[in-house]
Amino acid sequence: MPEHPPSFSARFRAWRARLGFFARLAWRISGRALALLSRRKAPALVTADAAVVADYDQIIEALQTGNTGFLARLGPGFAASSDRFVGQSWLFNAVDLGNLASLRWFLVQGVALDGTDKDGRSVLQAAVERAAVLDEYDDTPEDPLPLIVALLDAGAAINAPSAQGLTPLHVAAALGLGEVVEVLLSRGADATLRDEGFAHATPLNYAVQAGHQAVADLLR
């Protein structure tokens, strides 16, 4: 039997769900960048093995500038530990701050890449979202694309969904990140997967909904 097209109410619910997703994503990206770069003062932190007592601002500056010597002095337990101030692992902070040298330091330490942050994002999704942050938020802006490549080279799962059911390709398509979409597709991202938590939509649906025609063409 021929498949009936979705009803108007079903289409409207899907449209409303995607609109809500875009709004929440934009809010989270801008808020995360401002929170990490506002340089608010936090108490001195002691690493797991007490190798160094470090001020929060010093750690953030080291992550932001790629000062891997300072990170190494924090001791072997630091790489796998969490930032209690922001509420996520230091690995995610390194990705959010966008410094490739810092990220590579964490990868050399063998940190696990299969975890999620407090928002349910995979580390690869975090890197994709980092690619959408405007340079005006950065003290030392870098090309964010190598962050994504480094994570993929280290074995980050390319099609792993977030807690909201979105793959990194969904997010890249929604944000109109053409170069990121190209990299993900070239590395095996599945463009046919539908999100599990919003509108049961493909990355192409998100690109079309957001008006990113060039990205939609890549996904067709």
N, C-alpha and C. Protein backbone atom coordinates (compact mmCIF):
# COMPACT_ATOMS: atom_id res chain seq x y z
N MET A 1 0.85 -1.19 0.00
CA MET A 1 0.00 0.00 0.00
C MET A 1 0.88 1.24 0.00
N PRO A 2 0.46 2.30 -0.70
CA PRO A 2 1.28 3.51 -0.71
C PRO A 2 1.33 4.14 0.67
N GLU A 3 2.47 4.74 0.97
CA GLU A 3 2.64 5.34 2.28
C GLU A 3 2.01 6.72 2.30
N HIS A 4 1.13 6.99 3.27
CA HIS A 4 0.45 8.28 3.34
C HIS A 4 1.42 9.35 3.85
N PRO A 5 1.34 10.56 3.30
CA PRO A 5 2.20 11.63 3.80
C PRO A 5 1.81 11.98 5.23
N PRO A 6 2.74 12.50 6.01
CA PRO A 6 2.42 12.86 7.39
C PRO A 6 1.37 13.97 7.44
N SER A 7 0.57 13.94 8.47
CA SER A 7 -0.48 14.94 8.62
C SER A 7 0.12 16.30 8.92
N PHE A 8 -0.72 17.34 8.81
CA PHE A 8 -0.23 18.69 9.09
C PHE A 8 0.23 18.79 10.55
N SER A 9 -0.55 18.20 11.47
CA SER A 9 -0.18 18.27 12.89
C SER A 9 1.15 17.58 13.16
N ALA A 10 1.38 16.46 12.46
CA ALA A 10 2.65 15.76 12.64
C ALA A 10 3.80 16.60 12.10
N ARG A 11 3.59 17.24 10.95
CA ARG A 11 4.64 18.10 10.38
C ARG A 11 4.90 19.29 11.29
N PHE A 12 3.82 19.83 11.86
CA PHE A 12 3.98 20.99 12.74
C PHE A 12 4.75 20.62 13.99
N ARG A 13 4.45 19.46 14.58
CA ARG A 13 5.18 19.02 15.76
C ARG A 13 6.65 18.81 15.46
N ALA A 14 6.93 18.24 14.28
CA ALA A 14 8.32 18.03 13.88
C ALA A 14 9.04 19.36 13.70
N TRP A 15 8.34 20.32 13.07
CA TRP A 15 8.95 21.64 12.86
C TRP A 15 9.22 22.32 14.19
N ARG A 16 8.26 22.24 15.12
CA ARG A 16 8.42 22.87 16.43
C ARG A 16 9.56 22.23 17.21
N ALA A 17 9.70 20.91 17.10
CA ALA A 17 10.78 20.22 17.80
C ALA A 17 12.14 20.66 17.28
N ARG A 18 12.27 20.76 15.94
CA ARG A 18 13.56 21.19 15.37
C ARG A 18 13.85 22.64 15.72
N LEU A 19 12.82 23.49 15.73
CA LEU A 19 13.03 24.90 16.09
C LEU A 19 13.53 25.01 17.52
N GLY A 20 12.94 24.22 18.41
CA GLY A 20 13.40 24.22 19.79
C GLY A 20 14.83 23.74 19.91
N PHE A 21 15.19 22.74 19.11
CA PHE A 21 16.56 22.24 19.12
C PHE A 21 17.54 23.33 18.72
N PHE A 22 17.24 24.07 17.63
CA PHE A 22 18.15 25.11 17.18
C PHE A 22 18.33 26.18 18.25
N ALA A 23 17.23 26.56 18.91
CA ALA A 23 17.30 27.60 19.94
C ALA A 23 18.15 27.13 21.11
N ARG A 24 17.93 25.89 21.57
CA ARG A 24 18.71 25.39 22.69
C ARG A 24 20.18 25.23 22.34
N LEU A 25 20.45 24.81 21.11
CA LEU A 25 21.83 24.62 20.68
C LEU A 25 22.57 25.94 20.65
N ALA A 26 21.94 26.98 20.08
CA ALA A 26 22.58 28.30 20.01
C ALA A 26 22.84 28.85 21.41
N TRP A 27 21.87 28.66 22.31
CA TRP A 27 22.03 29.13 23.70
C TRP A 27 23.17 28.40 24.38
N ARG A 28 23.27 27.09 24.20
CA ARG A 28 24.29 26.29 24.86
C ARG A 28 25.68 26.66 24.36
N ILE A 29 25.83 26.84 23.04
CA ILE A 29 27.13 27.16 22.47
C ILE A 29 27.63 28.50 22.99
N SER A 30 26.77 29.53 22.94
CA SER A 30 27.20 30.86 23.39
C SER A 30 27.44 30.87 24.89
N GLY A 31 26.57 30.22 25.65
CA GLY A 31 26.72 30.19 27.10
C GLY A 31 27.96 29.45 27.55
N ARG A 32 28.28 28.34 26.88
CA ARG A 32 29.46 27.55 27.25
C ARG A 32 30.73 28.35 26.99
N ALA A 33 30.78 29.02 25.84
CA ALA A 33 31.98 29.80 25.53
C ALA A 33 32.17 30.93 26.54
N LEU A 34 31.09 31.61 26.87
CA LEU A 34 31.21 32.72 27.82
C LEU A 34 31.57 32.22 29.22
N ALA A 35 31.02 31.07 29.61
CA ALA A 35 31.32 30.54 30.94
C ALA A 35 32.79 30.18 31.07
N LEU A 36 33.34 29.56 30.04
CA LEU A 36 34.73 29.14 30.11
C LEU A 36 35.71 30.29 29.97
N LEU A 37 35.32 31.33 29.23
CA LEU A 37 36.25 32.41 28.94
C LEU A 37 36.03 33.64 29.80
N SER A 38 35.05 33.60 30.67
CA SER A 38 34.78 34.76 31.53
C SER A 38 35.87 34.92 32.59
N ARG A 39 36.63 33.83 32.82
CA ARG A 39 37.77 33.85 33.76
C ARG A 39 37.32 34.17 35.18
N ARG A 40 36.15 33.67 35.56
CA ARG A 40 35.70 33.84 36.94
C ARG A 40 36.67 33.15 37.90
N LYS A 41 36.85 33.73 39.06
CA LYS A 41 37.81 33.21 40.02
C LYS A 41 37.23 32.01 40.75
N ALA A 42 37.96 30.96 40.84
CA ALA A 42 37.53 29.79 41.60
C ALA A 42 38.61 29.44 42.61
N PRO A 43 38.29 28.66 43.63
CA PRO A 43 39.30 28.29 44.63
C PRO A 43 40.45 27.51 44.01
N ALA A 44 41.56 27.52 44.69
CA ALA A 44 42.69 26.72 44.24
C ALA A 44 42.28 25.26 44.17
N LEU A 45 42.79 24.56 43.16
CA LEU A 45 42.44 23.17 42.95
C LEU A 45 43.65 22.29 43.23
N VAL A 46 43.43 21.15 43.82
CA VAL A 46 44.50 20.19 44.05
C VAL A 46 44.23 18.99 43.17
N THR A 47 45.18 18.58 42.37
CA THR A 47 44.98 17.45 41.48
C THR A 47 44.96 16.16 42.28
N ALA A 48 44.58 15.08 41.58
CA ALA A 48 44.34 13.80 42.25
C ALA A 48 45.58 13.31 43.01
N ASP A 49 46.76 13.54 42.45
CA ASP A 49 47.95 13.03 43.12
C ASP A 49 48.74 14.13 43.83
N ALA A 50 48.11 15.29 43.94
CA ALA A 50 48.71 16.40 44.69
C ALA A 50 50.08 16.81 44.17
N ALA A 51 50.32 16.57 42.87
CA ALA A 51 51.60 16.96 42.30
C ALA A 51 51.74 18.47 42.25
N VAL A 52 50.63 19.15 42.02
CA VAL A 52 50.66 20.61 41.89
C VAL A 52 49.38 21.17 42.48
N VAL A 53 49.50 22.27 43.17
CA VAL A 53 48.31 23.02 43.57
C VAL A 53 48.17 24.16 42.57
N ALA A 54 47.05 24.16 41.83
CA ALA A 54 46.92 25.11 40.72
C ALA A 54 45.67 25.95 40.88
N ASP A 55 45.78 27.21 40.55
CA ASP A 55 44.64 28.09 40.50
C ASP A 55 43.81 27.77 39.26
N TYR A 56 42.50 27.90 39.41
CA TYR A 56 41.61 27.57 38.29
C TYR A 56 41.98 28.35 37.03
N ASP A 57 42.23 29.63 37.18
CA ASP A 57 42.57 30.46 36.02
C ASP A 57 43.83 29.97 35.33
N GLN A 58 44.79 29.47 36.11
CA GLN A 58 46.02 28.96 35.51
C GLN A 58 45.74 27.73 34.64
N ILE A 59 44.85 26.86 35.12
CA ILE A 59 44.52 25.67 34.35
C ILE A 59 43.80 26.06 33.06
N ILE A 60 42.83 26.97 33.17
CA ILE A 60 42.10 27.40 31.98
C ILE A 60 43.05 28.04 30.98
N GLU A 61 43.97 28.87 31.47
CA GLU A 61 44.94 29.50 30.57
C GLU A 61 45.84 28.47 29.90
N ALA A 62 46.25 27.46 30.65
CA ALA A 62 47.09 26.41 30.06
C ALA A 62 46.34 25.66 28.98
N LEU A 63 45.07 25.34 29.23
CA LEU A 63 44.26 24.66 28.21
C LEU A 63 44.06 25.54 26.99
N GLN A 64 43.86 26.80 27.23
CA GLN A 64 43.56 27.74 26.16
C GLN A 64 44.77 28.02 25.28
N THR A 65 45.95 28.01 25.88
CA THR A 65 47.17 28.35 25.14
C THR A 65 47.98 27.13 24.72
N GLY A 66 47.57 25.94 25.14
CA GLY A 66 48.32 24.74 24.78
C GLY A 66 49.59 24.56 25.57
N ASN A 67 49.58 25.01 26.82
CA ASN A 67 50.76 24.87 27.68
C ASN A 67 50.78 23.46 28.26
N THR A 68 51.24 22.51 27.45
CA THR A 68 51.21 21.11 27.87
C THR A 68 52.21 20.80 28.97
N GLY A 69 53.26 21.61 29.09
CA GLY A 69 54.20 21.42 30.19
C GLY A 69 53.51 21.65 31.52
N PHE A 70 52.69 22.67 31.59
CA PHE A 70 51.95 22.93 32.82
C PHE A 70 50.96 21.81 33.09
N LEU A 71 50.26 21.35 32.04
CA LEU A 71 49.30 20.26 32.22
C LEU A 71 49.99 19.01 32.74
N ALA A 72 51.18 18.73 32.21
CA ALA A 72 51.91 17.54 32.65
C ALA A 72 52.28 17.64 34.12
N ARG A 73 52.59 18.84 34.59
CA ARG A 73 52.97 19.02 36.01
C ARG A 73 51.79 18.83 36.95
N LEU A 74 50.58 18.84 36.41
CA LEU A 74 49.41 18.60 37.26
C LEU A 74 49.30 17.14 37.69
N GLY A 75 50.07 16.29 37.06
CA GLY A 75 50.09 14.90 37.49
C GLY A 75 49.25 13.98 36.62
N PRO A 76 49.50 12.69 36.69
CA PRO A 76 48.84 11.74 35.79
C PRO A 76 47.33 11.62 36.02
N GLY A 77 46.85 11.99 37.19
CA GLY A 77 45.41 11.88 37.43
C GLY A 77 44.59 13.00 36.84
N PHE A 78 45.26 14.08 36.43
CA PHE A 78 44.52 15.25 35.96
C PHE A 78 43.74 14.97 34.68
N ALA A 79 44.33 14.27 33.73
CA ALA A 79 43.71 14.08 32.42
C ALA A 79 42.34 13.43 32.51
N ALA A 80 42.16 12.53 33.45
CA ALA A 80 40.90 11.81 33.57
C ALA A 80 39.96 12.43 34.60
N SER A 81 40.35 13.56 35.17
CA SER A 81 39.55 14.15 36.24
C SER A 81 38.54 15.15 35.67
N SER A 82 37.72 15.70 36.55
CA SER A 82 36.64 16.60 36.14
C SER A 82 36.81 17.98 36.76
N ASP A 83 36.28 18.96 36.08
CA ASP A 83 36.24 20.33 36.55
C ASP A 83 34.94 20.52 37.33
N ARG A 84 35.05 20.63 38.63
CA ARG A 84 33.86 20.75 39.46
C ARG A 84 33.17 22.10 39.28
N PHE A 85 33.92 23.09 38.83
CA PHE A 85 33.37 24.44 38.67
C PHE A 85 32.39 24.49 37.50
N VAL A 86 32.76 23.90 36.36
CA VAL A 86 31.90 23.89 35.18
C VAL A 86 30.99 22.67 35.19
N GLY A 87 31.45 21.58 35.79
CA GLY A 87 30.64 20.38 35.88
C GLY A 87 30.82 19.41 34.75
N GLN A 88 32.03 19.34 34.21
CA GLN A 88 32.32 18.37 33.15
C GLN A 88 33.81 18.03 33.22
N SER A 89 34.22 17.02 32.46
CA SER A 89 35.61 16.60 32.50
C SER A 89 36.51 17.66 31.87
N TRP A 90 37.77 17.63 32.27
CA TRP A 90 38.74 18.57 31.70
C TRP A 90 38.94 18.32 30.21
N LEU A 91 38.72 17.10 29.76
CA LEU A 91 38.80 16.82 28.33
C LEU A 91 37.79 17.67 27.57
N PHE A 92 36.57 17.74 28.05
CA PHE A 92 35.55 18.56 27.39
C PHE A 92 35.91 20.04 27.45
N ASN A 93 36.50 20.47 28.56
CA ASN A 93 36.97 21.85 28.62
C ASN A 93 38.01 22.13 27.54
N ALA A 94 38.93 21.19 27.35
CA ALA A 94 39.96 21.37 26.32
C ALA A 94 39.33 21.51 24.94
N VAL A 95 38.30 20.70 24.67
CA VAL A 95 37.62 20.79 23.38
C VAL A 95 36.87 22.11 23.27
N ASP A 96 36.15 22.49 24.32
CA ASP A 96 35.38 23.73 24.28
C ASP A 96 36.28 24.95 24.10
N LEU A 97 37.49 24.89 24.65
CA LEU A 97 38.42 26.01 24.51
C LEU A 97 39.15 25.99 23.17
N GLY A 98 39.17 24.85 22.50
CA GLY A 98 39.58 24.81 21.11
C GLY A 98 41.06 24.82 20.81
N ASN A 99 41.89 24.40 21.76
CA ASN A 99 43.33 24.39 21.48
C ASN A 99 43.76 22.97 21.12
N LEU A 100 44.33 22.80 19.93
CA LEU A 100 44.68 21.47 19.44
C LEU A 100 45.78 20.83 20.28
N ALA A 101 46.78 21.60 20.68
CA ALA A 101 47.87 21.03 21.48
C ALA A 101 47.35 20.47 22.80
N SER A 102 46.44 21.19 23.43
CA SER A 102 45.86 20.72 24.68
C SER A 102 45.08 19.43 24.46
N LEU A 103 44.28 19.41 23.41
CA LEU A 103 43.50 18.20 23.14
C LEU A 103 44.43 17.01 22.89
N ARG A 104 45.48 17.22 22.10
CA ARG A 104 46.40 16.12 21.82
C ARG A 104 47.07 15.62 23.09
N TRP A 105 47.32 16.52 24.04
CA TRP A 105 47.91 16.08 25.30
C TRP A 105 46.98 15.10 26.01
N PHE A 106 45.69 15.42 26.05
CA PHE A 106 44.73 14.51 26.67
C PHE A 106 44.68 13.18 25.93
N LEU A 107 44.73 13.23 24.61
CA LEU A 107 44.67 11.98 23.84
C LEU A 107 45.89 11.12 24.08
N VAL A 108 47.05 11.73 24.21
CA VAL A 108 48.28 10.97 24.51
C VAL A 108 48.17 10.30 25.87
N GLN A 109 47.44 10.92 26.80
CA GLN A 109 47.26 10.31 28.12
C GLN A 109 46.31 9.12 28.10
N GLY A 110 45.68 8.89 26.94
CA GLY A 110 44.79 7.74 26.81
C GLY A 110 43.43 7.92 27.44
N VAL A 111 42.93 9.16 27.49
CA VAL A 111 41.62 9.38 28.10
C VAL A 111 40.53 8.67 27.30
N ALA A 112 39.50 8.23 27.98
CA ALA A 112 38.38 7.56 27.32
C ALA A 112 37.57 8.58 26.53
N LEU A 113 37.13 8.18 25.35
CA LEU A 113 36.39 9.08 24.47
C LEU A 113 34.92 8.69 24.35
N ASP A 114 34.49 7.73 25.16
CA ASP A 114 33.12 7.25 25.03
C ASP A 114 32.17 7.84 26.05
N GLY A 115 32.66 8.79 26.86
CA GLY A 115 31.80 9.41 27.86
C GLY A 115 31.03 10.59 27.29
N THR A 116 30.15 11.13 28.11
CA THR A 116 29.39 12.32 27.73
C THR A 116 29.56 13.39 28.80
N ASP A 117 29.22 14.62 28.44
CA ASP A 117 29.28 15.69 29.42
C ASP A 117 27.92 15.82 30.11
N LYS A 118 27.75 16.85 30.91
CA LYS A 118 26.52 16.99 31.69
C LYS A 118 25.31 17.24 30.80
N ASP A 119 25.54 17.69 29.56
CA ASP A 119 24.44 17.90 28.62
C ASP A 119 24.17 16.68 27.75
N GLY A 120 24.92 15.61 28.00
CA GLY A 120 24.72 14.40 27.22
C GLY A 120 25.41 14.38 25.88
N ARG A 121 26.33 15.33 25.66
CA ARG A 121 27.06 15.38 24.39
C ARG A 121 28.22 14.39 24.39
N SER A 122 28.48 13.79 23.24
CA SER A 122 29.74 13.07 23.06
C SER A 122 30.85 14.09 22.86
N VAL A 123 32.10 13.65 23.03
CA VAL A 123 33.21 14.58 22.86
C VAL A 123 33.31 15.04 21.41
N LEU A 124 32.92 14.18 20.46
CA LEU A 124 32.95 14.59 19.05
C LEU A 124 31.88 15.64 18.78
N GLN A 125 30.71 15.49 19.37
CA GLN A 125 29.68 16.52 19.20
C GLN A 125 30.16 17.84 19.79
N ALA A 126 30.85 17.78 20.93
CA ALA A 126 31.39 19.00 21.53
C ALA A 126 32.35 19.70 20.57
N ALA A 127 33.18 18.92 19.89
CA ALA A 127 34.12 19.51 18.93
C ALA A 127 33.38 20.12 17.74
N VAL A 128 32.31 19.49 17.30
CA VAL A 128 31.51 20.03 16.20
C VAL A 128 30.89 21.36 16.63
N GLU A 129 30.32 21.40 17.83
CA GLU A 129 29.74 22.64 18.32
C GLU A 129 30.81 23.72 18.48
N ARG A 130 32.02 23.31 18.87
CA ARG A 130 33.12 24.28 19.01
C ARG A 130 33.41 24.95 17.68
N ALA A 131 33.22 24.23 16.60
CA ALA A 131 33.48 24.80 15.28
C ALA A 131 32.51 25.92 14.93
N ALA A 132 31.40 26.01 15.67
CA ALA A 132 30.41 27.04 15.39
C ALA A 132 30.59 28.29 16.24
N VAL A 133 31.50 28.24 17.23
CA VAL A 133 31.71 29.39 18.11
C VAL A 133 32.47 30.47 17.36
N LEU A 134 31.96 31.68 17.43
CA LEU A 134 32.60 32.78 16.72
C LEU A 134 33.95 33.12 17.33
N ASP A 135 34.87 33.57 16.47
CA ASP A 135 36.22 33.89 16.94
C ASP A 135 36.25 35.01 17.97
N GLU A 136 35.18 35.82 18.04
CA GLU A 136 35.17 36.91 19.00
C GLU A 136 35.22 36.42 20.44
N TYR A 137 34.88 35.14 20.65
CA TYR A 137 34.94 34.57 21.99
C TYR A 137 36.35 34.12 22.35
N ASP A 138 37.25 34.08 21.40
CA ASP A 138 38.54 33.43 21.60
C ASP A 138 39.65 34.44 21.83
N ASP A 139 40.53 34.12 22.78
CA ASP A 139 41.76 34.88 22.92
C ASP A 139 42.78 34.44 21.87
N THR A 140 42.80 33.17 21.55
CA THR A 140 43.75 32.61 20.59
C THR A 140 42.99 31.69 19.63
N PRO A 141 42.24 32.28 18.68
CA PRO A 141 41.41 31.44 17.80
C PRO A 141 42.24 30.51 16.94
N GLU A 142 41.78 29.27 16.82
CA GLU A 142 42.42 28.28 15.96
C GLU A 142 41.37 27.69 15.04
N ASP A 143 41.82 27.08 13.96
CA ASP A 143 40.93 26.34 13.09
C ASP A 143 40.38 25.15 13.87
N PRO A 144 39.07 25.06 14.04
CA PRO A 144 38.53 23.97 14.86
C PRO A 144 38.49 22.62 14.15
N LEU A 145 38.66 22.61 12.84
CA LEU A 145 38.55 21.36 12.10
C LEU A 145 39.57 20.31 12.56
N PRO A 146 40.83 20.67 12.82
CA PRO A 146 41.79 19.67 13.30
C PRO A 146 41.40 19.02 14.62
N LEU A 147 40.61 19.70 15.44
CA LEU A 147 40.13 19.07 16.68
C LEU A 147 39.28 17.84 16.35
N ILE A 148 38.41 18.01 15.37
CA ILE A 148 37.52 16.92 14.97
C ILE A 148 38.34 15.78 14.37
N VAL A 149 39.28 16.11 13.51
CA VAL A 149 40.12 15.09 12.88
C VAL A 149 40.93 14.34 13.94
N ALA A 150 41.48 15.07 14.92
CA ALA A 150 42.28 14.43 15.97
C ALA A 150 41.43 13.45 16.77
N LEU A 151 40.22 13.82 17.07
CA LEU A 151 39.34 12.92 17.82
C LEU A 151 38.99 11.69 17.00
N LEU A 152 38.73 11.88 15.71
CA LEU A 152 38.42 10.74 14.85
C LEU A 152 39.63 9.81 14.73
N ASP A 153 40.81 10.39 14.58
CA ASP A 153 42.03 9.59 14.50
C ASP A 153 42.26 8.79 15.78
N ALA A 154 41.80 9.34 16.91
CA ALA A 154 41.99 8.67 18.20
C ALA A 154 40.89 7.65 18.49
N GLY A 155 39.92 7.54 17.58
CA GLY A 155 38.91 6.51 17.75
C GLY A 155 37.56 6.96 18.26
N ALA A 156 37.29 8.27 18.27
CA ALA A 156 35.97 8.74 18.71
C ALA A 156 34.89 8.17 17.78
N ALA A 157 33.82 7.69 18.36
CA ALA A 157 32.74 7.07 17.58
C ALA A 157 32.00 8.12 16.77
N ILE A 158 32.03 7.96 15.45
CA ILE A 158 31.53 9.01 14.58
C ILE A 158 30.01 9.08 14.54
N ASN A 159 29.35 7.98 14.78
CA ASN A 159 27.89 7.97 14.71
C ASN A 159 27.23 7.85 16.08
N ALA A 160 28.00 8.02 17.14
CA ALA A 160 27.44 7.88 18.49
C ALA A 160 26.45 9.01 18.75
N PRO A 161 25.23 8.67 19.16
CA PRO A 161 24.24 9.72 19.43
C PRO A 161 24.45 10.34 20.81
N SER A 162 24.02 11.56 20.94
CA SER A 162 24.02 12.22 22.24
C SER A 162 22.84 11.71 23.05
N ALA A 163 22.70 12.22 24.26
CA ALA A 163 21.56 11.84 25.08
C ALA A 163 20.24 12.26 24.44
N GLN A 164 20.32 13.24 23.53
CA GLN A 164 19.14 13.70 22.82
C GLN A 164 18.92 12.96 21.51
N GLY A 165 19.80 11.99 21.22
CA GLY A 165 19.64 11.18 20.01
C GLY A 165 20.25 11.78 18.77
N LEU A 166 21.07 12.82 18.91
CA LEU A 166 21.67 13.50 17.75
C LEU A 166 23.09 13.00 17.53
N THR A 167 23.42 12.69 16.29
CA THR A 167 24.79 12.35 15.94
C THR A 167 25.56 13.63 15.66
N PRO A 168 26.90 13.58 15.64
CA PRO A 168 27.66 14.77 15.27
C PRO A 168 27.27 15.32 13.90
N LEU A 169 26.90 14.43 12.97
CA LEU A 169 26.50 14.90 11.64
C LEU A 169 25.20 15.69 11.70
N HIS A 170 24.26 15.28 12.54
CA HIS A 170 23.03 16.07 12.73
C HIS A 170 23.37 17.50 13.15
N VAL A 171 24.27 17.60 14.13
CA VAL A 171 24.61 18.91 14.68
C VAL A 171 25.33 19.76 13.65
N ALA A 172 26.29 19.17 12.94
CA ALA A 172 27.02 19.91 11.91
C ALA A 172 26.07 20.40 10.81
N ALA A 173 25.12 19.56 10.43
CA ALA A 173 24.16 19.95 9.38
C ALA A 173 23.27 21.07 9.88
N ALA A 174 22.81 20.97 11.13
CA ALA A 174 21.93 22.00 11.69
C ALA A 174 22.63 23.35 11.78
N LEU A 175 23.93 23.33 12.03
CA LEU A 175 24.70 24.56 12.17
C LEU A 175 25.26 25.08 10.85
N GLY A 176 25.06 24.32 9.78
CA GLY A 176 25.55 24.77 8.47
C GLY A 176 27.06 24.71 8.31
N LEU A 177 27.70 23.75 8.96
CA LEU A 177 29.16 23.65 8.93
C LEU A 177 29.58 22.73 7.78
N GLY A 178 29.69 23.31 6.59
CA GLY A 178 29.96 22.53 5.40
C GLY A 178 31.24 21.73 5.46
N GLU A 179 32.33 22.35 5.90
CA GLU A 179 33.62 21.65 5.95
C GLU A 179 33.57 20.50 6.96
N VAL A 180 32.89 20.72 8.06
CA VAL A 180 32.76 19.66 9.07
C VAL A 180 31.94 18.51 8.50
N VAL A 181 30.85 18.83 7.83
CA VAL A 181 30.02 17.80 7.21
C VAL A 181 30.85 16.98 6.22
N GLU A 182 31.66 17.65 5.42
CA GLU A 182 32.50 16.94 4.44
C GLU A 182 33.46 15.98 5.14
N VAL A 183 34.09 16.45 6.23
CA VAL A 183 35.03 15.58 6.96
C VAL A 183 34.30 14.39 7.55
N LEU A 184 33.17 14.63 8.18
CA LEU A 184 32.43 13.53 8.80
C LEU A 184 31.97 12.51 7.77
N LEU A 185 31.49 12.98 6.64
CA LEU A 185 31.05 12.05 5.59
C LEU A 185 32.23 11.25 5.05
N SER A 186 33.38 11.92 4.89
CA SER A 186 34.56 11.22 4.36
C SER A 186 35.09 10.17 5.32
N ARG A 187 34.75 10.34 6.61
CA ARG A 187 35.24 9.39 7.62
C ARG A 187 34.18 8.35 8.00
N GLY A 188 33.07 8.34 7.28
CA GLY A 188 32.10 7.27 7.48
C GLY A 188 30.84 7.62 8.24
N ALA A 189 30.56 8.90 8.45
CA ALA A 189 29.32 9.28 9.13
C ALA A 189 28.12 8.82 8.30
N ASP A 190 27.12 8.31 8.97
CA ASP A 190 25.92 7.78 8.31
C ASP A 190 24.88 8.88 8.18
N ALA A 191 24.67 9.34 6.96
CA ALA A 191 23.73 10.44 6.71
C ALA A 191 22.28 9.98 6.71
N THR A 192 22.03 8.68 6.82
CA THR A 192 20.65 8.18 6.81
C THR A 192 20.08 8.02 8.21
N LEU A 193 20.91 8.18 9.23
CA LEU A 193 20.42 8.02 10.60
C LEU A 193 19.45 9.13 10.96
N ARG A 194 18.41 8.78 11.68
CA ARG A 194 17.42 9.74 12.14
C ARG A 194 17.63 9.99 13.64
N ASP A 195 17.40 11.22 14.05
CA ASP A 195 17.56 11.50 15.47
C ASP A 195 16.52 10.73 16.27
N GLU A 196 16.90 10.40 17.48
CA GLU A 196 16.05 9.54 18.31
C GLU A 196 15.24 10.33 19.33
N GLY A 197 15.50 11.63 19.46
CA GLY A 197 14.86 12.35 20.54
C GLY A 197 14.07 13.57 20.15
N PHE A 198 14.11 13.98 18.87
CA PHE A 198 13.41 15.21 18.49
C PHE A 198 12.30 14.92 17.48
N ALA A 199 12.66 14.85 16.22
CA ALA A 199 11.64 14.77 15.18
C ALA A 199 11.85 13.58 14.25
N HIS A 200 12.68 12.63 14.67
CA HIS A 200 12.96 11.47 13.82
C HIS A 200 13.42 11.93 12.43
N ALA A 201 14.36 12.87 12.43
CA ALA A 201 14.80 13.51 11.20
C ALA A 201 16.25 13.16 10.89
N THR A 202 16.60 13.24 9.62
CA THR A 202 17.96 12.99 9.17
C THR A 202 18.77 14.28 9.20
N PRO A 203 20.09 14.20 9.08
CA PRO A 203 20.89 15.43 8.96
C PRO A 203 20.42 16.31 7.80
N LEU A 204 20.02 15.70 6.70
CA LEU A 204 19.52 16.49 5.57
C LEU A 204 18.29 17.30 5.98
N ASN A 205 17.39 16.69 6.73
CA ASN A 205 16.20 17.41 7.20
C ASN A 205 16.59 18.65 8.02
N TYR A 206 17.59 18.50 8.87
CA TYR A 206 18.02 19.62 9.70
C TYR A 206 18.65 20.73 8.84
N ALA A 207 19.46 20.35 7.86
CA ALA A 207 20.08 21.35 7.00
C ALA A 207 19.02 22.12 6.22
N VAL A 208 18.05 21.41 5.70
CA VAL A 208 16.98 22.06 4.93
C VAL A 208 16.17 22.98 5.83
N GLN A 209 15.81 22.48 7.02
CA GLN A 209 15.02 23.27 7.96
C GLN A 209 15.72 24.57 8.33
N ALA A 210 17.06 24.51 8.47
CA ALA A 210 17.82 25.69 8.86
C ALA A 210 18.20 26.58 7.69
N GLY A 211 17.87 26.16 6.48
CA GLY A 211 18.16 26.97 5.30
C GLY A 211 19.60 26.90 4.82
N HIS A 212 20.31 25.82 5.17
CA HIS A 212 21.70 25.67 4.74
C HIS A 212 21.72 24.85 3.44
N GLN A 213 21.49 25.51 2.32
CA GLN A 213 21.32 24.81 1.06
C GLN A 213 22.60 24.09 0.62
N ALA A 214 23.74 24.74 0.79
CA ALA A 214 25.00 24.12 0.36
C ALA A 214 25.27 22.85 1.16
N VAL A 215 24.97 22.88 2.44
CA VAL A 215 25.16 21.69 3.27
C VAL A 215 24.15 20.62 2.88
N ALA A 216 22.93 21.03 2.60
CA ALA A 216 21.92 20.06 2.16
C ALA A 216 22.36 19.36 0.89
N ASP A 217 22.99 20.09 0.00
CA ASP A 217 23.47 19.47 -1.26
C ASP A 217 24.54 18.42 -0.98
N LEU A 218 25.37 18.65 0.04
CA LEU A 218 26.39 17.67 0.38
C LEU A 218 25.77 16.37 0.90
N LEU A 219 24.61 16.50 1.51
CA LEU A 219 23.98 15.36 2.17
C LEU A 219 23.02 14.59 1.25
N ARG A 220 22.75 15.12 0.10
CA ARG A 220 21.81 14.47 -0.82
C ARG A 220 22.51 13.35 -1.58
